Amino acid sequence: MHLHAALDGLSLNPALPVGALLARADGSGGAAARPDLTTELIEEIIATGRRRLLYPLAGNPEVPGEVLLRLAHDPRHPLRPVLASRVGGIAPRELFELLLADPDPVVRENLAENDATPCALGSRPTRVPRSRRGWAASG
């Protein structure tokens, strides 16, 4: 078994302290996906700057909306595509608006495919079937 896979599996065990997993030099992405993260641990994960931790954190449904908004505004980490595909309905409206206006078409496409995107935004992105995307762009 690969070490990262073993650590990710262990990170799901609520009896194992998250801090012990984060203390490892290579970290465990699964630790950032746990539902029991404290504010201090979330800040510690963000401070690491490691993608292996930030991507699962961005997709963690238990992370407060204001933290997700901070991650979306952080230019050091290209997390907006992940946020757009995984953000839940309880996220702040400002986050949805920011992602809707993002210049990256992947972000807007992920947001369109996310069922949690509120239709009340007024201009919810239109879903384009994958099989027709190339056709629509060419003609």
C-alpha atoms as a PDB file:
ATOM      1  CA  MET A   1       0.000   0.000   0.000  1.00  0.00           C
ATOM      2  CA  HIS A   2       1.245   3.465  -0.860  1.00  0.00           C
ATOM      3  CA  LEU A   3       2.053   5.714   2.123  1.00  0.00           C
ATOM      4  CA  HIS A   4      -0.228   8.554   0.970  1.00  0.00           C
ATOM      5  CA  ALA A   5      -3.155   6.159   0.539  1.00  0.00           C
ATOM      6  CA  ALA A   6      -2.564   4.752   4.015  1.00  0.00           C
ATOM      7  CA  LEU A   7      -2.425   8.250   5.538  1.00  0.00           C
ATOM      8  CA  ASP A   8      -5.576   9.287   3.708  1.00  0.00           C
ATOM      9  CA  GLY A   9      -7.346   6.221   5.080  1.00  0.00           C
ATOM     10  CA  LEU A  10      -6.143   6.922   8.607  1.00  0.00           C
ATOM     11  CA  SER A  11      -7.194  10.552   8.316  1.00  0.00           C
ATOM     12  CA  LEU A  12     -10.840   9.469   8.173  1.00  0.00           C
ATOM     13  CA  ASN A  13     -10.580   7.884  11.614  1.00  0.00           C
ATOM     14  CA  PRO A  14     -12.119  10.396  14.048  1.00  0.00           C
ATOM     15  CA  ALA A  15     -10.081   8.926  16.910  1.00  0.00           C
ATOM     16  CA  LEU A  16      -6.834  10.024  15.235  1.00  0.00           C
ATOM     17  CA  PRO A  17      -6.012  13.704  15.857  1.00  0.00           C
ATOM     18  CA  VAL A  18      -5.862  15.761  12.672  1.00  0.00           C
ATOM     19  CA  GLY A  19      -2.848  17.666  13.963  1.00  0.00           C
ATOM     20  CA  ALA A  20      -0.785  14.479  13.942  1.00  0.00           C
ATOM     21  CA  LEU A  21      -1.482  14.035  10.244  1.00  0.00           C
ATOM     22  CA  LEU A  22      -0.721  17.651   9.408  1.00  0.00           C
ATOM     23  CA  ALA A  23       2.577  17.479  11.288  1.00  0.00           C
ATOM     24  CA  ARG A  24       3.947  15.003   8.750  1.00  0.00           C
ATOM     25  CA  ALA A  25       6.264  16.645   6.231  1.00  0.00           C
ATOM     26  CA  ASP A  26       4.243  15.437   3.244  1.00  0.00           C
ATOM     27  CA  GLY A  27       0.827  15.918   4.841  1.00  0.00           C
ATOM     28  CA  SER A  28      -2.318  13.983   4.115  1.00  0.00           C
ATOM     29  CA  GLY A  29      -4.966  15.381   1.807  1.00  0.00           C
ATOM     30  CA  GLY A  30      -7.616  13.377   3.620  1.00  0.00           C
ATOM     31  CA  ALA A  31      -6.996  15.326   6.821  1.00  0.00           C
ATOM     32  CA  ALA A  32      -8.304  18.509   5.158  1.00  0.00           C
ATOM     33  CA  ALA A  33     -11.542  16.755   4.193  1.00  0.00           C
ATOM     34  CA  ARG A  34     -12.488  15.784   7.753  1.00  0.00           C
ATOM     35  CA  PRO A  35     -15.724  17.256   9.085  1.00  0.00           C
ATOM     36  CA  ASP A  36     -14.261  18.006  12.533  1.00  0.00           C
ATOM     37  CA  LEU A  37     -11.696  20.650  11.560  1.00  0.00           C
ATOM     38  CA  THR A  38     -11.351  23.505  14.014  1.00  0.00           C
ATOM     39  CA  THR A  39     -10.771  27.097  12.928  1.00  0.00           C
ATOM     40  CA  GLU A  40      -7.156  26.770  14.054  1.00  0.00           C
ATOM     41  CA  LEU A  41      -6.584  23.655  11.955  1.00  0.00           C
ATOM     42  CA  ILE A  42      -8.195  25.280   8.909  1.00  0.00           C
ATOM     43  CA  GLU A  43      -5.841  28.238   9.297  1.00  0.00           C
ATOM     44  CA  GLU A  44      -2.897  25.850   9.676  1.00  0.00           C
ATOM     45  CA  ILE A  45      -3.873  24.045   6.479  1.00  0.00           C
ATOM     46  CA  ILE A  46      -4.169  27.316   4.555  1.00  0.00           C
ATOM     47  CA  ALA A  47      -0.800  28.465   5.916  1.00  0.00           C
ATOM     48  CA  THR A  48       0.923  25.368   4.510  1.00  0.00           C
ATOM     49  CA  GLY A  49       0.112  26.470   0.969  1.00  0.00           C
ATOM     50  CA  ARG A  50       0.224  22.816  -0.110  1.00  0.00           C
ATOM     51  CA  ARG A  51      -2.144  21.865  -2.900  1.00  0.00           C
ATOM     52  CA  ARG A  52      -2.467  18.356  -1.450  1.00  0.00           C
ATOM     53  CA  LEU A  53      -4.202  19.947   1.538  1.00  0.00           C
ATOM     54  CA  LEU A  54      -5.874  22.974  -0.057  1.00  0.00           C
ATOM     55  CA  TYR A  55      -7.851  21.100  -2.720  1.00  0.00           C
ATOM     56  CA  PRO A  56      -9.616  18.782  -0.231  1.00  0.00           C
ATOM     57  CA  LEU A  57     -10.170  21.766   2.069  1.00  0.00           C
ATOM     58  CA  ALA A  58     -11.850  23.673  -0.775  1.00  0.00           C
ATOM     59  CA  GLY A  59     -14.170  20.717  -1.326  1.00  0.00           C
ATOM     60  CA  ASN A  60     -14.949  20.121   2.349  1.00  0.00           C
ATOM     61  CA  PRO A  61     -18.668  20.848   2.899  1.00  0.00           C
ATOM     62  CA  GLU A  62     -18.039  21.637   6.578  1.00  0.00           C
ATOM     63  CA  VAL A  63     -15.651  24.535   5.901  1.00  0.00           C
ATOM     64  CA  PRO A  64     -17.320  27.881   6.671  1.00  0.00           C
ATOM     65  CA  GLY A  65     -18.392  29.999   3.697  1.00  0.00           C
ATOM     66  CA  GLU A  66     -16.136  32.908   4.658  1.00  0.00           C
ATOM     67  CA  VAL A  67     -13.103  30.596   4.457  1.00  0.00           C
ATOM     68  CA  LEU A  68     -14.192  29.406   1.005  1.00  0.00           C
ATOM     69  CA  LEU A  69     -14.534  33.032  -0.065  1.00  0.00           C
ATOM     70  CA  ARG A  70     -10.997  33.727   1.176  1.00  0.00           C
ATOM     71  CA  LEU A  71      -9.704  30.748  -0.801  1.00  0.00           C
ATOM     72  CA  ALA A  72     -11.473  32.007  -3.925  1.00  0.00           C
ATOM     73  CA  HIS A  73      -9.814  35.422  -3.575  1.00  0.00           C
ATOM     74  CA  ASP A  74      -6.328  34.001  -2.922  1.00  0.00           C
ATOM     75  CA  PRO A  75      -4.256  34.489  -6.098  1.00  0.00           C
ATOM     76  CA  ARG A  76      -1.541  32.058  -4.934  1.00  0.00           C
ATOM     77  CA  HIS A  77      -3.794  29.035  -5.288  1.00  0.00           C
ATOM     78  CA  PRO A  78      -5.893  28.219  -8.364  1.00  0.00           C
ATOM     79  CA  LEU A  79      -8.741  26.759  -6.312  1.00  0.00           C
ATOM     80  CA  ARG A  80     -11.665  28.434  -8.075  1.00  0.00           C
ATOM     81  CA  PRO A  81     -12.377  25.483 -10.430  1.00  0.00           C
ATOM     82  CA  VAL A  82     -12.533  23.154  -7.402  1.00  0.00           C
ATOM     83  CA  LEU A  83     -14.702  25.577  -5.458  1.00  0.00           C
ATOM     84  CA  ALA A  84     -17.072  26.004  -8.413  1.00  0.00           C
ATOM     85  CA  SER A  85     -17.621  22.275  -8.741  1.00  0.00           C
ATOM     86  CA  ARG A  86     -17.954  21.502  -5.033  1.00  0.00           C
ATOM     87  CA  VAL A  87     -19.380  24.585  -3.333  1.00  0.00           C
ATOM     88  CA  GLY A  88     -22.640  23.863  -1.526  1.00  0.00           C
ATOM     89  CA  GLY A  89     -25.875  25.768  -1.265  1.00  0.00           C
ATOM     90  CA  ILE A  90     -24.991  27.271   2.123  1.00  0.00           C
ATOM     91  CA  ALA A  91     -22.012  29.174   0.715  1.00  0.00           C
ATOM     92  CA  PRO A  92     -22.251  32.967   0.714  1.00  0.00           C
ATOM     93  CA  ARG A  93     -23.963  34.493  -2.303  1.00  0.00           C
ATOM     94  CA  GLU A  94     -20.830  36.574  -2.893  1.00  0.00           C
ATOM     95  CA  LEU A  95     -18.859  33.375  -3.567  1.00  0.00           C
ATOM     96  CA  PHE A  96     -21.317  32.258  -6.250  1.00  0.00           C
ATOM     97  CA  GLU A  97     -21.247  35.741  -7.812  1.00  0.00           C
ATOM     98  CA  LEU A  98     -17.445  35.786  -7.810  1.00  0.00           C
ATOM     99  CA  LEU A  99     -17.273  32.379  -9.472  1.00  0.00           C
ATOM    100  CA  LEU A 100     -19.970  33.307 -12.000  1.00  0.00           C
ATOM    101  CA  ALA A 101     -17.927  36.339 -13.072  1.00  0.00           C
ATOM    102  CA  ASP A 102     -14.619  34.457 -13.206  1.00  0.00           C
ATOM    103  CA  PRO A 103     -12.794  34.894 -16.531  1.00  0.00           C
ATOM    104  CA  ASP A 104     -11.799  31.216 -16.581  1.00  0.00           C
ATOM    105  CA  PRO A 105     -14.385  29.254 -18.603  1.00  0.00           C
ATOM    106  CA  VAL A 106     -13.609  26.089 -16.605  1.00  0.00           C
ATOM    107  CA  VAL A 107     -14.753  27.831 -13.414  1.00  0.00           C
ATOM    108  CA  ARG A 108     -18.015  28.963 -15.015  1.00  0.00           C
ATOM    109  CA  GLU A 109     -18.578  25.514 -16.551  1.00  0.00           C
ATOM    110  CA  ASN A 110     -18.011  23.791 -13.193  1.00  0.00           C
ATOM    111  CA  LEU A 111     -20.422  26.220 -11.577  1.00  0.00           C
ATOM    112  CA  ALA A 112     -23.036  25.483 -14.242  1.00  0.00           C
ATOM    113  CA  GLU A 113     -22.716  21.760 -13.592  1.00  0.00           C
ATOM    114  CA  ASN A 114     -23.012  22.219  -9.816  1.00  0.00           C
ATOM    115  CA  ASP A 115     -26.600  21.555  -8.714  1.00  0.00           C
ATOM    116  CA  ALA A 116     -26.087  23.771  -5.644  1.00  0.00           C
ATOM    117  CA  THR A 117     -25.723  26.903  -7.783  1.00  0.00           C
ATOM    118  CA  PRO A 118     -28.723  29.093  -6.943  1.00  0.00           C
ATOM    119  CA  CYS A 119     -30.949  29.892  -9.900  1.00  0.00           C
ATOM    120  CA  ALA A 120     -31.754  33.172  -8.127  1.00  0.00           C
ATOM    121  CA  LEU A 121     -28.436  34.589  -9.295  1.00  0.00           C
ATOM    122  CA  GLY A 122     -30.349  35.718 -12.355  1.00  0.00           C
ATOM    123  CA  SER A 123     -27.763  34.578 -14.854  1.00  0.00           C
ATOM    124  CA  ARG A 124     -26.924  31.035 -13.911  1.00  0.00           C
ATOM    125  CA  PRO A 125     -24.526  29.669 -16.493  1.00  0.00           C
ATOM    126  CA  THR A 126     -26.103  27.496 -19.139  1.00  0.00           C
ATOM    127  CA  ARG A 127     -25.107  23.866 -19.258  1.00  0.00           C
ATOM    128  CA  VAL A 128     -23.629  22.809 -22.573  1.00  0.00           C
ATOM    129  CA  PRO A 129     -23.574  19.065 -23.216  1.00  0.00           C
ATOM    130  CA  ARG A 130     -19.978  17.874 -23.460  1.00  0.00           C
ATOM    131  CA  SER A 131     -20.634  16.277 -26.855  1.00  0.00           C
ATOM    132  CA  ARG A 132     -21.756  19.622 -28.336  1.00  0.00           C
ATOM    133  CA  ARG A 133     -19.116  21.968 -26.845  1.00  0.00           C
ATOM    134  CA  GLY A 134     -16.703  21.647 -29.755  1.00  0.00           C
ATOM    135  CA  TRP A 135     -19.545  21.985 -32.283  1.00  0.00           C
ATOM    136  CA  ALA A 136     -20.959  25.107 -30.617  1.00  0.00           C
ATOM    137  CA  ALA A 137     -17.560  26.785 -30.540  1.00  0.00           C
ATOM    138  CA  SER A 138     -16.801  26.043 -34.189  1.00  0.00           C
ATOM    139  CA  GLY A 139     -19.999  27.016 -35.830  1.00  0.00           C
END
